[in-house]
Each structure stands twice: as C-alpha cells, then as structure tokens.
C-alpha cells in the first residue's frame, strides 16, 4: 500500500494563472518545514508562509501529490496581495 504525500511549489505567474517557471518547491526549500506532507491542507498552509516572501511580481502557490496530480489548493501573490482559491 502506498501513501499519498503532498508538496507545494511556487511559480512565477501572470494574471491568467499561467505559470512560467518554478522558483521554489517544498522538496528542496529552506523555507519549508519539511519536504512532503500528509495532507494537501498541511502542505498548503506551509506553502502560504513561503509565498508571502514573494511580492515583487505575480507568484502562484500550488499543491501537488507524489503522483504529479495538482490539488484544488492554490493561492496567488500579486505584488503583495495574496488571493486564495
């Protein structure tokens, strides 16, 4: 039996929520409390803390599982204003 693990990534984005390049990922981040999480909610909360450090452009936080599927957890930091979806 395999267990699903969750991670978060922060990417440079635009207003249409198209991502251009990953700038940080929980699996190799000094700003993450750990590389993987037991739930998407746990990964999202940790990723929000890191997202607050990116405020000069538009950045998008997304949560994904170890199979590569993205969850519905998403937030955008548009020059310091964070919107959660």
C-alpha atoms as a PDB file:
ATOM      1  CA  UNK A   1       0.000   0.000   0.000  1.00  0.00           C
ATOM      2  CA  UNK A   2       1.442   3.349  -0.976  1.00  0.00           C
ATOM      3  CA  UNK A   3       0.626   6.525   0.868  1.00  0.00           C
ATOM      4  CA  UNK A   4      -0.019   9.786  -0.881  1.00  0.00           C
ATOM      5  CA  UNK A   5       2.351  12.576   0.088  1.00  0.00           C
ATOM      6  CA  UNK A   6       1.853  16.230  -0.804  1.00  0.00           C
ATOM      7  CA  UNK A   7       4.265  19.012  -1.677  1.00  0.00           C
ATOM      8  CA  UNK A   8       3.923  22.635  -2.697  1.00  0.00           C
ATOM      9  CA  UNK A   9       5.531  24.708  -5.419  1.00  0.00           C
ATOM     10  CA  UNK A  10       5.701  28.438  -6.066  1.00  0.00           C
ATOM     11  CA  UNK A  11       5.980  29.611  -9.657  1.00  0.00           C
ATOM     12  CA  UNK A  12       6.305  32.914 -11.432  1.00  0.00           C
ATOM     13  CA  UNK A  13       2.875  33.535 -12.951  1.00  0.00           C
ATOM     14  CA  UNK A  14       0.628  36.028 -14.721  1.00  0.00           C
ATOM     15  CA  UNK A  15      -2.909  37.293 -14.138  1.00  0.00           C
ATOM     16  CA  UNK A  16      -4.335  34.400 -16.181  1.00  0.00           C
ATOM     17  CA  UNK A  17      -2.713  31.919 -13.743  1.00  0.00           C
ATOM     18  CA  UNK A  18      -0.288  30.615 -16.343  1.00  0.00           C
ATOM     19  CA  UNK A  19       2.964  29.585 -14.690  1.00  0.00           C
ATOM     20  CA  UNK A  20       6.335  30.273 -16.274  1.00  0.00           C
ATOM     21  CA  UNK A  21       8.985  28.789 -14.016  1.00  0.00           C
ATOM     22  CA  UNK A  22       9.165  27.280 -10.555  1.00  0.00           C
ATOM     23  CA  UNK A  23      11.036  29.491  -8.109  1.00  0.00           C
ATOM     24  CA  UNK A  24      10.678  27.312  -5.005  1.00  0.00           C
ATOM     25  CA  UNK A  25       9.472  23.819  -4.123  1.00  0.00           C
ATOM     26  CA  UNK A  26       8.951  22.290  -0.690  1.00  0.00           C
ATOM     27  CA  UNK A  27      11.096  19.307  -1.630  1.00  0.00           C
ATOM     28  CA  UNK A  28      14.237  21.435  -1.864  1.00  0.00           C
ATOM     29  CA  UNK A  29      13.348  24.575   0.078  1.00  0.00           C
ATOM     30  CA  UNK A  30      14.888  26.151   3.147  1.00  0.00           C
ATOM     31  CA  UNK A  31      11.538  27.930   3.711  1.00  0.00           C
ATOM     32  CA  UNK A  32       9.534  24.716   4.071  1.00  0.00           C
ATOM     33  CA  UNK A  33       9.042  22.979   7.403  1.00  0.00           C
ATOM     34  CA  UNK A  34       9.561  19.602   5.638  1.00  0.00           C
ATOM     35  CA  UNK A  35       9.761  18.266   2.049  1.00  0.00           C
ATOM     36  CA  UNK A  36       6.436  16.371   1.973  1.00  0.00           C
ATOM     37  CA  UNK A  37       3.196  16.490   3.934  1.00  0.00           C
ATOM     38  CA  UNK A  38       0.456  14.056   4.941  1.00  0.00           C
ATOM     39  CA  UNK A  39      -2.423  16.170   3.584  1.00  0.00           C
ATOM     40  CA  UNK A  40      -2.922  18.853   0.929  1.00  0.00           C
ATOM     41  CA  UNK A  41      -4.168  21.212   3.641  1.00  0.00           C
ATOM     42  CA  UNK A  42      -0.938  20.826   5.621  1.00  0.00           C
ATOM     43  CA  UNK A  43       1.181  21.443   2.506  1.00  0.00           C
ATOM     44  CA  UNK A  44      -0.923  24.468   1.557  1.00  0.00           C
ATOM     45  CA  UNK A  45      -0.581  26.124   4.958  1.00  0.00           C
ATOM     46  CA  UNK A  46       3.188  25.655   4.893  1.00  0.00           C
ATOM     47  CA  UNK A  47       3.404  26.938   1.312  1.00  0.00           C
ATOM     48  CA  UNK A  48       1.427  30.083   2.177  1.00  0.00           C
ATOM     49  CA  UNK A  49       4.168  31.072   4.611  1.00  0.00           C
ATOM     50  CA  UNK A  50       6.776  30.835   1.838  1.00  0.00           C
ATOM     51  CA  UNK A  51       4.508  32.591  -0.699  1.00  0.00           C
ATOM     52  CA  UNK A  52       4.452  35.721   1.467  1.00  0.00           C
ATOM     53  CA  UNK A  53       8.184  36.183   0.737  1.00  0.00           C
ATOM     54  CA  UNK A  54       7.474  36.668  -2.980  1.00  0.00           C
ATOM     55  CA  UNK A  55       5.880  40.058  -3.552  1.00  0.00           C
ATOM     56  CA  UNK A  56       7.773  41.832  -6.344  1.00  0.00           C
ATOM     57  CA  UNK A  57       5.830  40.153  -9.208  1.00  0.00           C
ATOM     58  CA  UNK A  58       2.967  37.651  -9.534  1.00  0.00           C
ATOM     59  CA  UNK A  59       3.565  34.235  -7.990  1.00  0.00           C
ATOM     60  CA  UNK A  60       1.308  31.208  -7.696  1.00  0.00           C
ATOM     61  CA  UNK A  61       1.346  28.543  -4.990  1.00  0.00           C
ATOM     62  CA  UNK A  62       0.093  25.094  -5.963  1.00  0.00           C
ATOM     63  CA  UNK A  63      -0.101  21.825  -4.013  1.00  0.00           C
ATOM     64  CA  UNK A  64       0.586  18.525  -5.768  1.00  0.00           C
ATOM     65  CA  UNK A  65       0.857  14.879  -4.744  1.00  0.00           C
ATOM     66  CA  UNK A  66       3.604  12.335  -5.311  1.00  0.00           C
ATOM     67  CA  UNK A  67       1.881  11.095  -8.482  1.00  0.00           C
ATOM     68  CA  UNK A  68       2.135  14.567 -10.046  1.00  0.00           C
ATOM     69  CA  UNK A  69      -1.536  15.468  -9.702  1.00  0.00           C
ATOM     70  CA  UNK A  70      -2.313  19.012  -8.598  1.00  0.00           C
ATOM     71  CA  UNK A  71      -4.929  19.570  -5.899  1.00  0.00           C
ATOM     72  CA  UNK A  72      -7.504  22.350  -5.691  1.00  0.00           C
ATOM     73  CA  UNK A  73      -5.320  24.226  -3.206  1.00  0.00           C
ATOM     74  CA  UNK A  74      -3.994  27.359  -4.872  1.00  0.00           C
ATOM     75  CA  UNK A  75      -3.083  30.933  -3.960  1.00  0.00           C
ATOM     76  CA  UNK A  76      -1.670  33.885  -5.884  1.00  0.00           C
ATOM     77  CA  UNK A  77       0.534  36.644  -4.532  1.00  0.00           C
ATOM     78  CA  UNK A  78       0.068  39.630  -6.843  1.00  0.00           C
ATOM     79  CA  UNK A  79       2.714  42.138  -5.727  1.00  0.00           C
ATOM     80  CA  UNK A  80       1.986  41.606  -2.041  1.00  0.00           C
ATOM     81  CA  UNK A  81      -1.765  40.894  -2.202  1.00  0.00           C
ATOM     82  CA  UNK A  82      -2.498  37.210  -1.583  1.00  0.00           C
ATOM     83  CA  UNK A  83      -5.690  35.718  -3.014  1.00  0.00           C
ATOM     84  CA  UNK A  84      -6.653  32.164  -2.057  1.00  0.00           C
ATOM     85  CA  UNK A  85      -8.667  29.968  -4.418  1.00  0.00           C
END
